[in-house]
Amino acid sequence: MPTAPKGVRGAVITGWGSALPPRVITNDELSQTLDTSDEWIRERSGIHERHIGGTTAGLSVISGAAALAMAGLDPRHIDALVLSTTTPDRCVPATSATVQHALGLSCGAFDVNAACSGFVYALTVAHGLIAMGSSKVLVIGTDTLSRITDWSDRNTAVLFADGSGAVVLEAVDGPGQMLSWDIDADGSAEESLYAELGGFIQMEGKDVFRKAVRIMVDSATKSLAVAGLTADDVDVVIPHQANIRIIQAACERLGIPMEKASTDLHYTGNTSSASIPLALVDAADTGKIKKGDTVLLVGFGAGMTAASALIVWGGQ
């Protein structure tokens, strides 16, 4: 996929924020109603607990407001809002419209649905908006998967959760942070992970595992190649927080040590569109990412979609 074209206006992340519902469900609590245990869940997924509750708009407003505050921006100065979600609060209108009004923005707003890859899709779109003239774009990834999870299904109930992460992108003189990006989809794998309208998530776990590792590695490899970099050049990996085994397998195949991966799924679970921004916020807040670091964002999702982006934290 393309590298960031030379001569276009770039952008950097100047603010970030997150939101997790206060209700926490531990593995032990799930074991009271499901044929499972804390040990079984941790060993197979790496998840210890997850947060559930709230609405997609409500969580988005919290994370978005935090990102705006960190960036020191008046909401009226935002030129566009891009909300990545696979669990909108309504069929119509887009949940981004609700978020736009609640945050006091006066700009265009739209949803992106690429499931768990959605935040990287949205981030790529936001860079495109800035290249075409926007100055400040708010990007949010939010999902409330608890609403479409069958809590009697051991295969899915132990994985999915709710949350939100947001970043503010601001235009800069020069190339900014984006080195390269890749977005992809394989619709033939749609039946591996889906939810009918009004229904619950259906997942073929083993099939998803095999496909997920392959498409994550493929997408990351393409972004690295276009940027002219190797795995050794990556300082931090922000992977989709689906399953610790998937993250470990993908890092191993890419030749990137697990120590470079930012993981928070032990307390967040799989939050789909919120997964990558939550892990990004955690890495930024804890100092795992430093100015000048080369950061690889990579994920996969239902569809099956895949996406990756290589950015230089703070800009090139």
C-alpha atoms as a PDB file:
ATOM      1  CA  MET A   1       0.000   0.000   0.000  1.00  0.00           C
ATOM      2  CA  PRO A   2       1.036   3.639  -0.399  1.00  0.00           C
ATOM      3  CA  THR A   3       3.614   5.532   1.548  1.00  0.00           C
ATOM      4  CA  ALA A   4       2.715   9.044   2.642  1.00  0.00           C
ATOM      5  CA  PRO A   5       3.144  11.122  -0.548  1.00  0.00           C
ATOM      6  CA  LYS A   6       5.912  13.700  -0.531  1.00  0.00           C
ATOM      7  CA  GLY A   7       4.849  17.318  -0.481  1.00  0.00           C
ATOM      8  CA  VAL A   8       1.482  16.894   1.244  1.00  0.00           C
ATOM      9  CA  ARG A   9       0.719  18.324   4.637  1.00  0.00           C
ATOM     10  CA  GLY A  10       1.317  15.870   7.459  1.00  0.00           C
ATOM     11  CA  ALA A  11      -0.048  15.593  10.979  1.00  0.00           C
ATOM     12  CA  VAL A  12       0.940  14.569  14.492  1.00  0.00           C
ATOM     13  CA  ILE A  13      -1.009  13.362  17.513  1.00  0.00           C
ATOM     14  CA  THR A  14      -1.218  16.188  20.047  1.00  0.00           C
ATOM     15  CA  GLY A  15      -3.753  14.816  22.508  1.00  0.00           C
ATOM     16  CA  TRP A  16      -5.231  11.523  23.596  1.00  0.00           C
ATOM     17  CA  GLY A  17      -7.790  10.153  26.016  1.00  0.00           C
ATOM     18  CA  SER A  18      -9.610   6.992  27.033  1.00  0.00           C
ATOM     19  CA  ALA A  19     -12.796   5.801  28.701  1.00  0.00           C
ATOM     20  CA  LEU A  20     -13.683   2.517  30.390  1.00  0.00           C
ATOM     21  CA  PRO A  21     -17.049   1.810  32.042  1.00  0.00           C
ATOM     22  CA  PRO A  22     -16.877   1.429  35.844  1.00  0.00           C
ATOM     23  CA  ARG A  23     -18.489  -2.025  35.871  1.00  0.00           C
ATOM     24  CA  VAL A  24     -15.750  -4.673  35.995  1.00  0.00           C
ATOM     25  CA  ILE A  25     -16.412  -8.367  35.395  1.00  0.00           C
ATOM     26  CA  THR A  26     -13.648 -10.696  36.553  1.00  0.00           C
ATOM     27  CA  ASN A  27     -12.935 -14.181  35.278  1.00  0.00           C
ATOM     28  CA  ASP A  28     -14.038 -15.581  38.613  1.00  0.00           C
ATOM     29  CA  GLU A  29     -17.394 -13.871  38.217  1.00  0.00           C
ATOM     30  CA  LEU A  30     -17.864 -15.403  34.769  1.00  0.00           C
ATOM     31  CA  SER A  31     -16.986 -18.823  36.147  1.00  0.00           C
ATOM     32  CA  GLN A  32     -20.086 -18.643  38.342  1.00  0.00           C
ATOM     33  CA  THR A  33     -22.381 -18.836  35.302  1.00  0.00           C
ATOM     34  CA  LEU A  34     -20.161 -20.446  32.637  1.00  0.00           C
ATOM     35  CA  ASP A  35     -18.246 -23.725  32.452  1.00  0.00           C
ATOM     36  CA  THR A  36     -14.892 -21.959  32.751  1.00  0.00           C
ATOM     37  CA  SER A  37     -12.309 -20.738  35.246  1.00  0.00           C
ATOM     38  CA  ASP A  38      -9.924 -17.869  35.794  1.00  0.00           C
ATOM     39  CA  GLU A  39      -6.997 -20.121  34.889  1.00  0.00           C
ATOM     40  CA  TRP A  40      -8.666 -21.365  31.690  1.00  0.00           C
ATOM     41  CA  ILE A  41      -9.438 -17.833  30.459  1.00  0.00           C
ATOM     42  CA  ARG A  42      -6.013 -16.391  31.326  1.00  0.00           C
ATOM     43  CA  GLU A  43      -4.164 -19.264  29.675  1.00  0.00           C
ATOM     44  CA  ARG A  44      -6.125 -19.075  26.415  1.00  0.00           C
ATOM     45  CA  SER A  45      -6.620 -15.317  26.078  1.00  0.00           C
ATOM     46  CA  GLY A  46      -4.481 -13.398  28.572  1.00  0.00           C
ATOM     47  CA  ILE A  47      -7.599 -11.609  29.831  1.00  0.00           C
ATOM     48  CA  HIS A  48      -8.089 -11.222  33.592  1.00  0.00           C
ATOM     49  CA  GLU A  49     -11.077  -8.866  33.642  1.00  0.00           C
ATOM     50  CA  ARG A  50     -13.129  -6.622  31.385  1.00  0.00           C
ATOM     51  CA  HIS A  51     -15.248  -3.446  31.639  1.00  0.00           C
ATOM     52  CA  ILE A  52     -18.854  -3.323  30.440  1.00  0.00           C
ATOM     53  CA  GLY A  53     -21.563  -0.690  30.335  1.00  0.00           C
ATOM     54  CA  GLY A  54     -22.375   2.705  28.900  1.00  0.00           C
ATOM     55  CA  THR A  55     -23.219   3.700  25.356  1.00  0.00           C
ATOM     56  CA  THR A  56     -20.970   4.150  22.342  1.00  0.00           C
ATOM     57  CA  ALA A  57     -21.746   7.871  22.244  1.00  0.00           C
ATOM     58  CA  GLY A  58     -21.301   8.314  25.983  1.00  0.00           C
ATOM     59  CA  LEU A  59     -17.899   6.638  26.115  1.00  0.00           C
ATOM     60  CA  SER A  60     -16.818   8.499  22.967  1.00  0.00           C
ATOM     61  CA  VAL A  61     -17.670  11.842  24.541  1.00  0.00           C
ATOM     62  CA  ILE A  62     -15.520  11.055  27.584  1.00  0.00           C
ATOM     63  CA  SER A  63     -12.448   9.945  25.602  1.00  0.00           C
ATOM     64  CA  GLY A  64     -12.895  12.697  23.016  1.00  0.00           C
ATOM     65  CA  ALA A  65     -13.173  15.421  25.645  1.00  0.00           C
ATOM     66  CA  ALA A  66     -10.014  14.132  27.340  1.00  0.00           C
ATOM     67  CA  ALA A  67      -8.098  14.196  24.048  1.00  0.00           C
ATOM     68  CA  LEU A  68      -9.272  17.736  23.288  1.00  0.00           C
ATOM     69  CA  ALA A  69      -8.285  18.895  26.775  1.00  0.00           C
ATOM     70  CA  MET A  70      -4.799  17.416  26.467  1.00  0.00           C
ATOM     71  CA  ALA A  71      -4.346  19.096  23.079  1.00  0.00           C
ATOM     72  CA  GLY A  72      -5.571  22.383  24.588  1.00  0.00           C
ATOM     73  CA  LEU A  73      -8.137  22.866  21.849  1.00  0.00           C
ATOM     74  CA  ASP A  74     -11.475  24.615  21.758  1.00  0.00           C
ATOM     75  CA  PRO A  75     -13.970  22.096  20.318  1.00  0.00           C
ATOM     76  CA  ARG A  76     -15.023  24.666  17.738  1.00  0.00           C
ATOM     77  CA  HIS A  77     -11.570  24.442  16.141  1.00  0.00           C
ATOM     78  CA  ILE A  78     -11.975  20.759  15.130  1.00  0.00           C
ATOM     79  CA  ASP A  79     -12.509  20.391  11.378  1.00  0.00           C
ATOM     80  CA  ALA A  80     -13.799  16.811  11.343  1.00  0.00           C
ATOM     81  CA  LEU A  81     -14.759  13.933  13.640  1.00  0.00           C
ATOM     82  CA  VAL A  82     -14.113  10.355  12.528  1.00  0.00           C
ATOM     83  CA  LEU A  83     -15.650   7.731  14.828  1.00  0.00           C
ATOM     84  CA  SER A  84     -14.691   4.096  14.376  1.00  0.00           C
ATOM     85  CA  THR A  85     -17.319   1.731  15.760  1.00  0.00           C
ATOM     86  CA  THR A  86     -19.017  -1.537  14.946  1.00  0.00           C
ATOM     87  CA  THR A  87     -21.664  -0.996  17.643  1.00  0.00           C
ATOM     88  CA  PRO A  88     -23.463   2.288  16.866  1.00  0.00           C
ATOM     89  CA  ASP A  89     -26.175   3.328  19.297  1.00  0.00           C
ATOM     90  CA  ARG A  90     -28.700   3.614  16.460  1.00  0.00           C
ATOM     91  CA  CYS A  91     -28.985   2.463  12.863  1.00  0.00           C
ATOM     92  CA  VAL A  92     -29.622   6.111  11.916  1.00  0.00           C
ATOM     93  CA  PRO A  93     -28.127   8.611  12.485  1.00  0.00           C
ATOM     94  CA  ALA A  94     -24.440   7.797  12.750  1.00  0.00           C
ATOM     95  CA  THR A  95     -23.315   7.847  16.384  1.00  0.00           C
ATOM     96  CA  SER A  96     -20.697  10.433  15.445  1.00  0.00           C
ATOM     97  CA  ALA A  97     -23.518  12.980  15.059  1.00  0.00           C
ATOM     98  CA  THR A  98     -24.513  12.464  18.711  1.00  0.00           C
ATOM     99  CA  VAL A  99     -20.871  12.761  19.796  1.00  0.00           C
ATOM    100  CA  GLN A 100     -20.317  15.864  17.684  1.00  0.00           C
ATOM    101  CA  HIS A 101     -23.218  17.666  19.344  1.00  0.00           C
ATOM    102  CA  ALA A 102     -22.307  16.559  22.873  1.00  0.00           C
ATOM    103  CA  LEU A 103     -18.707  17.731  22.498  1.00  0.00           C
ATOM    104  CA  GLY A 104     -19.737  21.109  21.076  1.00  0.00           C
ATOM    105  CA  LEU A 105     -18.038  20.536  17.732  1.00  0.00           C
ATOM    106  CA  SER A 106     -19.104  22.425  14.614  1.00  0.00           C
ATOM    107  CA  CYS A 107     -17.767  20.218  11.860  1.00  0.00           C
ATOM    108  CA  GLY A 108     -18.466  17.196   9.704  1.00  0.00           C
ATOM    109  CA  ALA A 109     -18.797  13.885  11.509  1.00  0.00           C
ATOM    110  CA  PHE A 110     -19.053  10.319  10.258  1.00  0.00           C
ATOM    111  CA  ASP A 111     -18.716   6.711  11.396  1.00  0.00           C
ATOM    112  CA  VAL A 112     -16.281   4.110  10.048  1.00  0.00           C
ATOM    113  CA  ASN A 113     -17.039   0.397  10.514  1.00  0.00           C
ATOM    114  CA  ALA A 114     -14.111  -1.927   9.867  1.00  0.00           C
ATOM    115  CA  ALA A 115     -14.599  -3.834  13.125  1.00  0.00           C
ATOM    116  CA  CYS A 116     -11.405  -4.226  15.171  1.00  0.00           C
ATOM    117  CA  SER A 117      -9.264  -2.726  12.386  1.00  0.00           C
ATOM    118  CA  GLY A 118     -11.459   0.354  12.359  1.00  0.00           C
ATOM    119  CA  PHE A 119      -9.301   2.748  14.361  1.00  0.00           C
ATOM    120  CA  VAL A 120      -6.365   2.377  11.954  1.00  0.00           C
ATOM    121  CA  TYR A 121      -8.782   2.839   9.044  1.00  0.00           C
ATOM    122  CA  ALA A 122     -10.091   5.999  10.711  1.00  0.00           C
ATOM    123  CA  LEU A 123      -6.593   7.272  11.482  1.00  0.00           C
ATOM    124  CA  THR A 124      -5.610   6.805   7.839  1.00  0.00           C
ATOM    125  CA  VAL A 125      -8.718   8.654   6.662  1.00  0.00           C
ATOM    126  CA  ALA A 126      -7.979  11.479   9.106  1.00  0.00           C
ATOM    127  CA  HIS A 127      -4.466  11.895   7.694  1.00  0.00           C
ATOM    128  CA  GLY A 128      -6.062  12.095   4.251  1.00  0.00           C
ATOM    129  CA  LEU A 129      -8.401  14.856   5.414  1.00  0.00           C
ATOM    130  CA  ILE A 130      -5.442  16.828   6.731  1.00  0.00           C
ATOM    131  CA  ALA A 131      -3.505  16.290   3.495  1.00  0.00           C
ATOM    132  CA  MET A 132      -6.524  17.798   1.682  1.00  0.00           C
ATOM    133  CA  GLY A 133      -6.655  20.889   3.883  1.00  0.00           C
ATOM    134  CA  SER A 134      -8.150  20.114   7.299  1.00  0.00           C
ATOM    135  CA  SER A 135      -6.100  21.412  10.223  1.00  0.00           C
ATOM    136  CA  LYS A 136      -7.438  19.492  13.224  1.00  0.00           C
ATOM    137  CA  VAL A 137      -9.244  16.142  13.242  1.00  0.00           C
ATOM    138  CA  LEU A 138     -10.609  14.177  16.200  1.00  0.00           C
ATOM    139  CA  VAL A 139     -10.375  10.392  15.768  1.00  0.00           C
ATOM    140  CA  ILE A 140     -12.241   8.123  18.189  1.00  0.00           C
ATOM    141  CA  GLY A 141     -12.464   4.334  18.418  1.00  0.00           C
ATOM    142  CA  THR A 142     -15.326   3.040  20.563  1.00  0.00           C
ATOM    143  CA  ASP A 143     -17.260  -0.184  20.944  1.00  0.00           C
ATOM    144  CA  THR A 144     -19.837  -1.537  23.381  1.00  0.00           C
ATOM    145  CA  LEU A 145     -19.580  -5.203  22.480  1.00  0.00           C
ATOM    146  CA  SER A 146     -21.341  -6.299  25.661  1.00  0.00           C
ATOM    147  CA  ARG A 147     -24.613  -5.384  23.928  1.00  0.00           C
ATOM    148  CA  ILE A 148     -24.060  -7.977  21.182  1.00  0.00           C
ATOM    149  CA  THR A 149     -22.361 -10.655  23.304  1.00  0.00           C
ATOM    150  CA  ASP A 150     -24.199 -13.791  24.342  1.00  0.00           C
ATOM    151  CA  TRP A 151     -23.201 -14.014  28.018  1.00  0.00           C
ATOM    152  CA  SER A 152     -24.118 -17.708  28.075  1.00  0.00           C
ATOM    153  CA  ASP A 153     -21.590 -18.530  25.324  1.00  0.00           C
ATOM    154  CA  ARG A 154     -18.236 -19.445  26.857  1.00  0.00           C
ATOM    155  CA  ASN A 155     -16.413 -18.939  23.540  1.00  0.00           C
ATOM    156  CA  THR A 156     -17.273 -15.237  23.265  1.00  0.00           C
ATOM    157  CA  ALA A 157     -18.380 -14.019  26.711  1.00  0.00           C
ATOM    158  CA  VAL A 158     -14.866 -14.331  28.117  1.00  0.00           C
ATOM    159  CA  LEU A 159     -13.384 -12.125  25.383  1.00  0.00           C
ATOM    160  CA  PHE A 160     -15.463  -9.081  24.582  1.00  0.00           C
ATOM    161  CA  ALA A 161     -15.899  -5.794  26.446  1.00  0.00           C
ATOM    162  CA  ASP A 162     -16.568  -2.055  26.149  1.00  0.00           C
ATOM    163  CA  GLY A 163     -14.307   0.974  25.943  1.00  0.00           C
ATOM    164  CA  SER A 164     -13.165   4.026  24.000  1.00  0.00           C
ATOM    165  CA  GLY A 165      -9.928   5.719  22.959  1.00  0.00           C
ATOM    166  CA  ALA A 166      -9.384   8.998  21.131  1.00  0.00           C
ATOM    167  CA  VAL A 167      -6.620  11.074  19.576  1.00  0.00           C
ATOM    168  CA  VAL A 168      -6.392  14.581  18.170  1.00  0.00           C
ATOM    169  CA  LEU A 169      -4.477  15.022  14.926  1.00  0.00           C
ATOM    170  CA  GLU A 170      -3.087  18.462  14.088  1.00  0.00           C
ATOM    171  CA  ALA A 171      -1.523  19.546  10.822  1.00  0.00           C
ATOM    172  CA  VAL A 172       2.192  20.396  10.742  1.00  0.00           C
ATOM    173  CA  ASP A 173       4.594  21.794   8.201  1.00  0.00           C
ATOM    174  CA  GLY A 174       6.369  18.880   6.566  1.00  0.00           C
ATOM    175  CA  PRO A 175       5.622  15.162   6.451  1.00  0.00           C
ATOM    176  CA  GLY A 176       4.333  14.751  10.019  1.00  0.00           C
ATOM    177  CA  GLN A 177       4.131  11.321  11.654  1.00  0.00           C
ATOM    178  CA  MET A 178       2.782   8.940   9.006  1.00  0.00           C
ATOM    179  CA  LEU A 179       5.422   6.842   7.238  1.00  0.00           C
ATOM    180  CA  SER A 180       3.176   4.271   5.570  1.00  0.00           C
ATOM    181  CA  TRP A 181      -0.145   2.491   5.892  1.00  0.00           C
ATOM    182  CA  ASP A 182      -2.061  -0.528   4.687  1.00  0.00           C
ATOM    183  CA  ILE A 183      -5.746  -1.411   4.737  1.00  0.00           C
ATOM    184  CA  ASP A 184      -7.132  -4.699   3.481  1.00  0.00           C
ATOM    185  CA  ALA A 185     -10.152  -6.995   3.625  1.00  0.00           C
ATOM    186  CA  ASP A 186     -11.014 -10.569   2.718  1.00  0.00           C
ATOM    187  CA  GLY A 187     -14.783 -10.884   2.438  1.00  0.00           C
ATOM    188  CA  SER A 188     -14.547 -14.628   1.846  1.00  0.00           C
ATOM    189  CA  ALA A 189     -13.787 -14.998   5.585  1.00  0.00           C
ATOM    190  CA  GLU A 190     -16.899 -13.111   6.675  1.00  0.00           C
ATOM    191  CA  GLU A 191     -18.543 -16.158   8.246  1.00  0.00           C
ATOM    192  CA  SER A 192     -15.655 -16.658  10.681  1.00  0.00           C
ATOM    193  CA  LEU A 193     -16.805 -13.743  12.830  1.00  0.00           C
ATOM    194  CA  TYR A 194     -20.120 -11.929  12.487  1.00  0.00           C
ATOM    195  CA  ALA A 195     -23.288 -10.734  14.203  1.00  0.00           C
ATOM    196  CA  GLU A 196     -26.641 -10.472  12.484  1.00  0.00           C
ATOM    197  CA  LEU A 197     -28.671  -7.302  12.996  1.00  0.00           C
ATOM    198  CA  GLY A 198     -30.265  -7.693  16.403  1.00  0.00           C
ATOM    199  CA  GLY A 199     -28.234 -10.830  17.105  1.00  0.00           C
ATOM    200  CA  PHE A 200     -25.135 -11.893  19.016  1.00  0.00           C
ATOM    201  CA  ILE A 201     -21.524 -12.328  17.941  1.00  0.00           C
ATOM    202  CA  GLN A 202     -20.838 -15.688  16.288  1.00  0.00           C
ATOM    203  CA  MET A 203     -17.204 -16.777  16.090  1.00  0.00           C
ATOM    204  CA  GLU A 204     -15.230 -19.753  14.822  1.00  0.00           C
ATOM    205  CA  GLY A 205     -12.340 -19.330  17.238  1.00  0.00           C
ATOM    206  CA  LYS A 206      -9.761 -21.623  15.649  1.00  0.00           C
ATOM    207  CA  ASP A 207     -10.437 -20.237  12.177  1.00  0.00           C
ATOM    208  CA  VAL A 208     -10.176 -16.651  13.420  1.00  0.00           C
ATOM    209  CA  PHE A 209      -6.873 -17.410  15.145  1.00  0.00           C
ATOM    210  CA  ARG A 210      -5.295 -18.827  11.985  1.00  0.00           C
ATOM    211  CA  LYS A 211      -6.515 -16.046   9.726  1.00  0.00           C
ATOM    212  CA  ALA A 212      -5.814 -13.268  12.236  1.00  0.00           C
ATOM    213  CA  VAL A 213      -2.118 -14.038  12.613  1.00  0.00           C
ATOM    214  CA  ARG A 214      -1.655 -14.345   8.865  1.00  0.00           C
ATOM    215  CA  ILE A 215      -3.400 -11.107   7.896  1.00  0.00           C
ATOM    216  CA  MET A 216      -1.838  -9.082  10.724  1.00  0.00           C
ATOM    217  CA  VAL A 217       1.641 -10.172   9.683  1.00  0.00           C
ATOM    218  CA  ASP A 218       0.854  -9.580   6.001  1.00  0.00           C
ATOM    219  CA  SER A 219      -0.427  -6.046   6.623  1.00  0.00           C
ATOM    220  CA  ALA A 220       2.480  -5.098   8.896  1.00  0.00           C
ATOM    221  CA  THR A 221       4.993  -6.525   6.424  1.00  0.00           C
ATOM    222  CA  LYS A 222       3.547  -4.413   3.617  1.00  0.00           C
ATOM    223  CA  SER A 223       3.681  -1.223   5.696  1.00  0.00           C
ATOM    224  CA  LEU A 224       7.285  -1.942   6.678  1.00  0.00           C
ATOM    225  CA  ALA A 225       8.295  -2.620   3.088  1.00  0.00           C
ATOM    226  CA  VAL A 226       6.720   0.567   1.751  1.00  0.00           C
ATOM    227  CA  ALA A 227       8.415   2.625   4.466  1.00  0.00           C
ATOM    228  CA  GLY A 228      11.750   0.961   3.692  1.00  0.00           C
ATOM    229  CA  LEU A 229      12.044  -0.337   7.256  1.00  0.00           C
ATOM    230  CA  THR A 230      12.599  -3.704   8.902  1.00  0.00           C
ATOM    231  CA  ALA A 231      11.248  -5.193  12.107  1.00  0.00           C
ATOM    232  CA  ASP A 232      14.439  -4.041  13.862  1.00  0.00           C
ATOM    233  CA  ASP A 233      13.455  -0.413  13.169  1.00  0.00           C
ATOM    234  CA  VAL A 234      10.198  -0.730  15.128  1.00  0.00           C
ATOM    235  CA  ASP A 235      10.426   0.633  18.674  1.00  0.00           C
ATOM    236  CA  VAL A 236       6.871  -0.086  19.854  1.00  0.00           C
ATOM    237  CA  VAL A 237       4.049  -2.257  18.498  1.00  0.00           C
ATOM    238  CA  ILE A 238       0.428  -1.365  19.267  1.00  0.00           C
ATOM    239  CA  PRO A 239      -1.500  -4.501  18.263  1.00  0.00           C
ATOM    240  CA  HIS A 240      -5.209  -5.198  18.380  1.00  0.00           C
ATOM    241  CA  GLN A 241      -5.895  -6.605  21.851  1.00  0.00           C
ATOM    242  CA  ALA A 242      -7.846  -9.697  20.862  1.00  0.00           C
ATOM    243  CA  ASN A 243      -5.860 -12.513  22.406  1.00  0.00           C
ATOM    244  CA  ILE A 244      -2.365 -12.647  23.900  1.00  0.00           C
ATOM    245  CA  ARG A 245      -1.570 -15.774  21.883  1.00  0.00           C
ATOM    246  CA  ILE A 246      -2.416 -14.002  18.616  1.00  0.00           C
ATOM    247  CA  ILE A 247      -0.195 -11.059  19.608  1.00  0.00           C
ATOM    248  CA  GLN A 248       2.658 -13.383  20.541  1.00  0.00           C
ATOM    249  CA  ALA A 249       2.370 -15.384  17.310  1.00  0.00           C
ATOM    250  CA  ALA A 250       2.217 -12.259  15.138  1.00  0.00           C
ATOM    251  CA  CYS A 251       5.214 -10.655  16.853  1.00  0.00           C
ATOM    252  CA  GLU A 252       7.198 -13.886  16.524  1.00  0.00           C
ATOM    253  CA  ARG A 253       6.517 -14.136  12.792  1.00  0.00           C
ATOM    254  CA  LEU A 254       7.390 -10.476  12.295  1.00  0.00           C
ATOM    255  CA  GLY A 255      10.611 -10.873  14.281  1.00  0.00           C
ATOM    256  CA  ILE A 256       9.611  -8.256  16.848  1.00  0.00           C
ATOM    257  CA  PRO A 257      10.253  -9.066  20.543  1.00  0.00           C
ATOM    258  CA  MET A 258       7.134  -9.167  22.716  1.00  0.00           C
ATOM    259  CA  GLU A 259       8.801  -6.651  25.028  1.00  0.00           C
ATOM    260  CA  LYS A 260       8.109  -4.043  22.339  1.00  0.00           C
ATOM    261  CA  ALA A 261       4.359  -4.744  22.316  1.00  0.00           C
ATOM    262  CA  SER A 262       1.943  -2.569  24.277  1.00  0.00           C
ATOM    263  CA  THR A 263      -0.696  -4.829  25.845  1.00  0.00           C
ATOM    264  CA  ASP A 264      -3.551  -3.930  28.160  1.00  0.00           C
ATOM    265  CA  LEU A 265      -6.018  -6.706  27.336  1.00  0.00           C
ATOM    266  CA  HIS A 266      -5.475  -8.242  30.768  1.00  0.00           C
ATOM    267  CA  TYR A 267      -7.792  -5.562  32.189  1.00  0.00           C
ATOM    268  CA  THR A 268      -9.679  -4.328  29.090  1.00  0.00           C
ATOM    269  CA  GLY A 269     -10.529  -7.506  27.172  1.00  0.00           C
ATOM    270  CA  ASN A 270     -11.250  -7.209  23.452  1.00  0.00           C
ATOM    271  CA  THR A 271     -12.868  -3.808  22.865  1.00  0.00           C
ATOM    272  CA  SER A 272     -12.778  -3.951  19.039  1.00  0.00           C
ATOM    273  CA  SER A 273     -12.430  -0.397  17.647  1.00  0.00           C
ATOM    274  CA  ALA A 274     -11.288   0.863  21.052  1.00  0.00           C
ATOM    275  CA  SER A 275      -8.603  -1.788  21.361  1.00  0.00           C
ATOM    276  CA  ILE A 276      -5.697  -0.112  19.549  1.00  0.00           C
ATOM    277  CA  PRO A 277      -6.324   3.442  20.833  1.00  0.00           C
ATOM    278  CA  LEU A 278      -6.658   2.176  24.420  1.00  0.00           C
ATOM    279  CA  ALA A 279      -3.312   0.381  24.125  1.00  0.00           C
ATOM    280  CA  LEU A 280      -1.823   3.480  22.474  1.00  0.00           C
ATOM    281  CA  VAL A 281      -3.033   5.735  25.294  1.00  0.00           C
ATOM    282  CA  ASP A 282      -1.673   3.294  27.878  1.00  0.00           C
ATOM    283  CA  ALA A 283       1.733   3.259  26.167  1.00  0.00           C
ATOM    284  CA  ALA A 284       1.806   7.053  25.920  1.00  0.00           C
ATOM    285  CA  ASP A 285       0.734   7.598  29.529  1.00  0.00           C
ATOM    286  CA  THR A 286       3.253   5.108  30.936  1.00  0.00           C
ATOM    287  CA  GLY A 287       6.185   6.385  28.872  1.00  0.00           C
ATOM    288  CA  LYS A 288       6.521   3.231  26.782  1.00  0.00           C
ATOM    289  CA  ILE A 289       6.403   5.479  23.713  1.00  0.00           C
ATOM    290  CA  LYS A 290       8.959   8.278  23.509  1.00  0.00           C
ATOM    291  CA  LYS A 291       9.328  11.157  21.080  1.00  0.00           C
ATOM    292  CA  GLY A 292      10.972   9.961  17.875  1.00  0.00           C
ATOM    293  CA  ASP A 293       9.965   6.307  18.349  1.00  0.00           C
ATOM    294  CA  THR A 294       8.790   4.368  15.318  1.00  0.00           C
ATOM    295  CA  VAL A 295       5.420   2.902  16.245  1.00  0.00           C
ATOM    296  CA  LEU A 296       3.608   0.102  14.402  1.00  0.00           C
ATOM    297  CA  LEU A 297      -0.180   0.016  14.772  1.00  0.00           C
ATOM    298  CA  VAL A 298      -1.627  -3.248  13.464  1.00  0.00           C
ATOM    299  CA  GLY A 299      -4.901  -5.084  13.777  1.00  0.00           C
ATOM    300  CA  PHE A 300      -7.462  -7.403  12.249  1.00  0.00           C
ATOM    301  CA  GLY A 301     -11.214  -7.622  12.539  1.00  0.00           C
ATOM    302  CA  ALA A 302     -14.446  -9.143  11.333  1.00  0.00           C
ATOM    303  CA  GLY A 303     -14.839  -8.970   7.601  1.00  0.00           C
ATOM    304  CA  MET A 304     -12.106 -10.058   7.764  1.00  0.00           C
ATOM    305  CA  THR A 305     -10.350  -6.724   7.720  1.00  0.00           C
ATOM    306  CA  ALA A 306      -6.729  -5.859   8.384  1.00  0.00           C
ATOM    307  CA  ALA A 307      -4.904  -2.571   8.822  1.00  0.00           C
ATOM    308  CA  SER A 308      -1.525  -1.242   9.814  1.00  0.00           C
ATOM    309  CA  ALA A 309       0.263   2.080  10.005  1.00  0.00           C
ATOM    310  CA  LEU A 310       3.790   3.144  10.804  1.00  0.00           C
ATOM    311  CA  ILE A 311       4.111   6.487  12.568  1.00  0.00           C
ATOM    312  CA  VAL A 312       6.945   8.452  14.135  1.00  0.00           C
ATOM    313  CA  TRP A 313       5.780   9.600  17.556  1.00  0.00           C
ATOM    314  CA  GLY A 314       5.888  13.379  17.622  1.00  0.00           C
ATOM    315  CA  GLY A 315       6.592  13.628  13.886  1.00  0.00           C
ATOM    316  CA  GLN A 316       9.529  13.098  11.594  1.00  0.00           C
END
